[in-house]
Amino acid sequence: MNFAIWLDGTVLKVDLTDQLYAIYKGGEAELPVVKEAFEDSLEFLSKVSRKHEVVILSPYNEEVTGEIMRSIGLSFKYIANQGRTKPSKNPYEQLFSAYKWDPLETITIGSSPLDLLSARFYDSRIKVVCVERFRDCSRYSPFLLVRDMREALDRLIRLRKVQL
């Protein structure tokens, strides 16, 4: 399996749902830059990246994303915002164009309904794991709904989607 993991809300301790939705609808909003990561996400990334390809999806531009990634000690490949971010399908178009992944072999992990919608707008076959950190994703029927990344890892191992 390949993993596309949203930076905001999943890795970083920030919820940008309202700001991103306002931007998507044509409004303006500032995206606060947070450089504090959830420890369980860092553990997840460390374990999963040993045997699986991981790409970080970011709502920030290239410069800000690179700065955040360096500050929290991540060196993964990433897709930065190039004008249209979630819930548009653009981040996934960039991802699948750059890495030639198969949607049936891809799991995306996010923490907002916008993360789930963005994946679904691109290809509904992408499995979505929603980590309930700030928002409730249950009404959008994710593949898995979990409390934290430790639970995500446990359940993905049980479902034989992750090999360690």
Protein backbone atom coordinates (compact mmCIF):
# COMPACT_ATOMS: atom_id res chain seq x y z
CA MET A 1 0.00 0.00 0.00
CA ASN A 2 0.96 3.62 -0.59
CA PHE A 3 0.13 6.32 1.94
CA ALA A 4 -0.88 9.93 1.27
CA ILE A 5 -1.05 11.72 4.60
CA TRP A 6 -2.39 15.24 5.13
CA LEU A 7 0.00 17.51 6.97
CA ASP A 8 -2.58 19.76 8.64
CA GLY A 9 -4.63 18.19 11.40
CA THR A 10 -3.13 14.73 10.94
CA VAL A 11 0.55 15.47 11.49
CA LEU A 12 0.38 19.09 12.67
CA LYS A 13 -1.60 20.31 15.65
CA VAL A 14 -3.78 22.66 13.62
CA ASP A 15 -7.29 22.55 12.15
CA LEU A 16 -7.53 24.53 8.91
CA THR A 17 -10.96 23.24 7.84
CA ASP A 18 -12.81 26.56 8.06
CA GLN A 19 -10.04 28.58 6.41
CA LEU A 20 -9.58 26.08 3.56
CA TYR A 21 -13.29 25.85 2.89
CA ALA A 22 -13.54 29.65 2.76
CA ILE A 23 -10.68 29.76 0.24
CA TYR A 24 -12.26 26.95 -1.80
CA LYS A 25 -15.50 28.95 -1.99
CA GLY A 26 -13.63 31.97 -3.38
CA GLY A 27 -13.05 33.85 -0.16
CA GLU A 28 -9.86 34.75 1.60
CA ALA A 29 -8.34 33.36 4.75
CA GLU A 30 -4.94 33.20 6.39
CA LEU A 31 -3.52 29.75 7.03
CA PRO A 32 -1.75 29.79 10.38
CA VAL A 33 1.64 28.11 10.21
CA VAL A 34 2.08 25.64 13.05
CA LYS A 35 5.27 23.69 13.60
CA GLU A 36 4.11 21.38 16.36
CA ALA A 37 3.45 17.76 15.43
CA PHE A 38 1.35 15.05 17.04
CA GLU A 39 3.74 12.47 18.47
CA ASP A 40 1.55 9.56 17.35
CA SER A 41 1.78 10.76 13.74
CA LEU A 42 5.56 10.91 13.86
CA GLU A 43 5.62 7.36 15.26
CA PHE A 44 3.21 6.18 12.54
CA LEU A 45 5.29 7.75 9.78
CA SER A 46 8.50 6.26 11.14
CA LYS A 47 7.06 2.73 11.27
CA VAL A 48 5.04 2.73 8.05
CA SER A 49 7.70 4.33 5.86
CA ARG A 50 10.04 1.38 6.42
CA LYS A 51 8.07 -0.80 4.00
CA HIS A 52 5.55 1.53 2.35
CA GLU A 53 5.81 4.62 0.18
CA VAL A 54 4.60 7.76 1.99
CA VAL A 55 3.85 11.19 0.52
CA ILE A 56 2.69 14.15 2.60
CA LEU A 57 -0.14 16.31 1.21
CA SER A 58 0.01 19.95 2.26
CA PRO A 59 -2.41 22.88 1.98
CA TYR A 60 0.58 25.24 2.24
CA ASN A 61 2.74 26.44 -0.64
CA GLU A 62 6.09 24.84 -1.51
CA GLU A 63 8.21 27.19 0.61
CA VAL A 64 6.08 26.98 3.77
CA THR A 65 5.65 23.20 3.43
CA GLY A 66 9.40 22.67 3.13
CA GLU A 67 10.04 24.90 6.13
CA ILE A 68 7.46 23.04 8.26
CA MET A 69 8.76 19.63 7.21
CA ARG A 70 12.34 20.57 8.14
CA SER A 71 11.30 22.09 11.47
CA ILE A 72 9.49 18.91 12.59
CA GLY A 73 12.21 16.62 11.26
CA LEU A 74 10.39 15.04 8.31
CA SER A 75 12.14 14.30 5.03
CA PHE A 76 9.30 12.66 3.11
CA LYS A 77 8.28 13.57 -0.41
CA TYR A 78 5.39 15.99 -0.42
CA ILE A 79 2.76 17.63 -2.59
CA ALA A 80 2.42 21.33 -1.80
CA ASN A 81 -0.53 23.54 -2.67
CA GLN A 82 -0.23 24.90 -6.19
CA GLY A 83 -3.30 27.10 -6.18
CA ARG A 84 -6.23 24.82 -5.36
CA THR A 85 -6.21 22.72 -2.26
CA LYS A 86 -8.80 20.55 -0.54
CA PRO A 87 -11.60 19.82 -1.02
CA SER A 88 -10.69 20.07 -4.71
CA LYS A 89 -9.24 17.01 -6.40
CA ASN A 90 -6.12 18.96 -7.42
CA PRO A 91 -3.81 17.60 -4.67
CA TYR A 92 -4.64 14.05 -5.77
CA GLU A 93 -4.20 14.87 -9.45
CA GLN A 94 -0.70 16.10 -8.58
CA LEU A 95 0.00 13.04 -6.42
CA PHE A 96 -1.11 10.43 -8.92
CA SER A 97 0.52 12.24 -11.83
CA ALA A 98 3.86 12.51 -10.01
CA TYR A 99 4.01 9.02 -8.48
CA LYS A 100 1.89 6.86 -10.82
CA TRP A 101 0.18 5.14 -7.89
CA ASP A 102 -2.87 2.91 -8.29
CA PRO A 103 -5.89 4.33 -6.39
CA LEU A 104 -6.75 0.77 -5.29
CA GLU A 105 -3.34 0.54 -3.61
CA THR A 106 -3.56 3.92 -1.88
CA ILE A 107 -4.68 4.89 1.59
CA THR A 108 -5.01 8.54 2.50
CA ILE A 109 -5.11 9.68 6.11
CA GLY A 110 -6.68 12.95 7.13
CA SER A 111 -8.55 14.57 9.99
CA SER A 112 -11.18 16.69 8.27
CA PRO A 113 -14.20 16.03 6.06
CA LEU A 114 -12.34 18.13 3.44
CA ASP A 115 -9.57 15.51 3.35
CA LEU A 116 -12.10 12.80 2.62
CA LEU A 117 -13.95 14.88 0.01
CA SER A 118 -10.75 15.78 -1.79
CA ALA A 119 -9.86 12.10 -2.20
CA ARG A 120 -13.40 11.18 -3.24
CA PHE A 121 -13.57 13.98 -5.82
CA TYR A 122 -10.46 12.46 -7.43
CA ASP A 123 -11.26 8.74 -7.18
CA SER A 124 -13.73 7.09 -4.82
CA ARG A 125 -11.64 3.90 -4.75
CA ILE A 126 -8.98 5.55 -2.56
CA LYS A 127 -9.33 4.26 0.99
CA VAL A 128 -9.66 7.10 3.48
CA VAL A 129 -8.76 6.88 7.15
CA CYS A 130 -10.11 9.74 9.22
CA VAL A 131 -8.41 10.56 12.51
CA GLU A 132 -10.92 12.35 14.72
CA ARG A 133 -8.69 15.06 16.12
CA PHE A 134 -10.81 18.16 15.49
CA ARG A 135 -13.76 17.23 13.23
CA ASP A 136 -16.26 14.44 12.84
CA CYS A 137 -15.89 12.60 9.51
CA SER A 138 -18.35 9.79 10.25
CA ARG A 139 -21.15 11.05 7.99
CA TYR A 140 -18.79 10.79 5.00
CA SER A 141 -18.24 7.02 5.50
CA PRO A 142 -14.46 6.73 5.71
CA PHE A 143 -12.79 3.34 5.29
CA LEU A 144 -11.69 3.67 8.93
CA LEU A 145 -12.60 6.16 11.64
CA VAL A 146 -10.03 6.26 14.45
CA ARG A 147 -9.21 8.30 17.56
CA ASP A 148 -5.48 8.62 16.86
CA MET A 149 -2.67 7.35 14.65
CA ARG A 150 -1.81 4.50 17.02
CA GLU A 151 -5.31 3.11 16.56
CA ALA A 152 -4.98 3.67 12.80
CA LEU A 153 -1.78 1.64 12.71
CA ASP A 154 -3.26 -1.18 14.82
CA ARG A 155 -6.35 -1.44 12.64
CA LEU A 156 -4.43 -1.24 9.36
CA ILE A 157 -2.14 -4.03 10.55
CA ARG A 158 -5.16 -6.16 11.49
CA LEU A 159 -6.66 -5.53 8.06
CA ARG A 160 -3.32 -6.49 6.48
CA LYS A 161 -2.92 -3.08 4.83
CA VAL A 162 0.36 -2.37 6.65
CA GLN A 163 3.40 -4.57 6.98
CA LEU A 164 6.05 -3.71 9.54
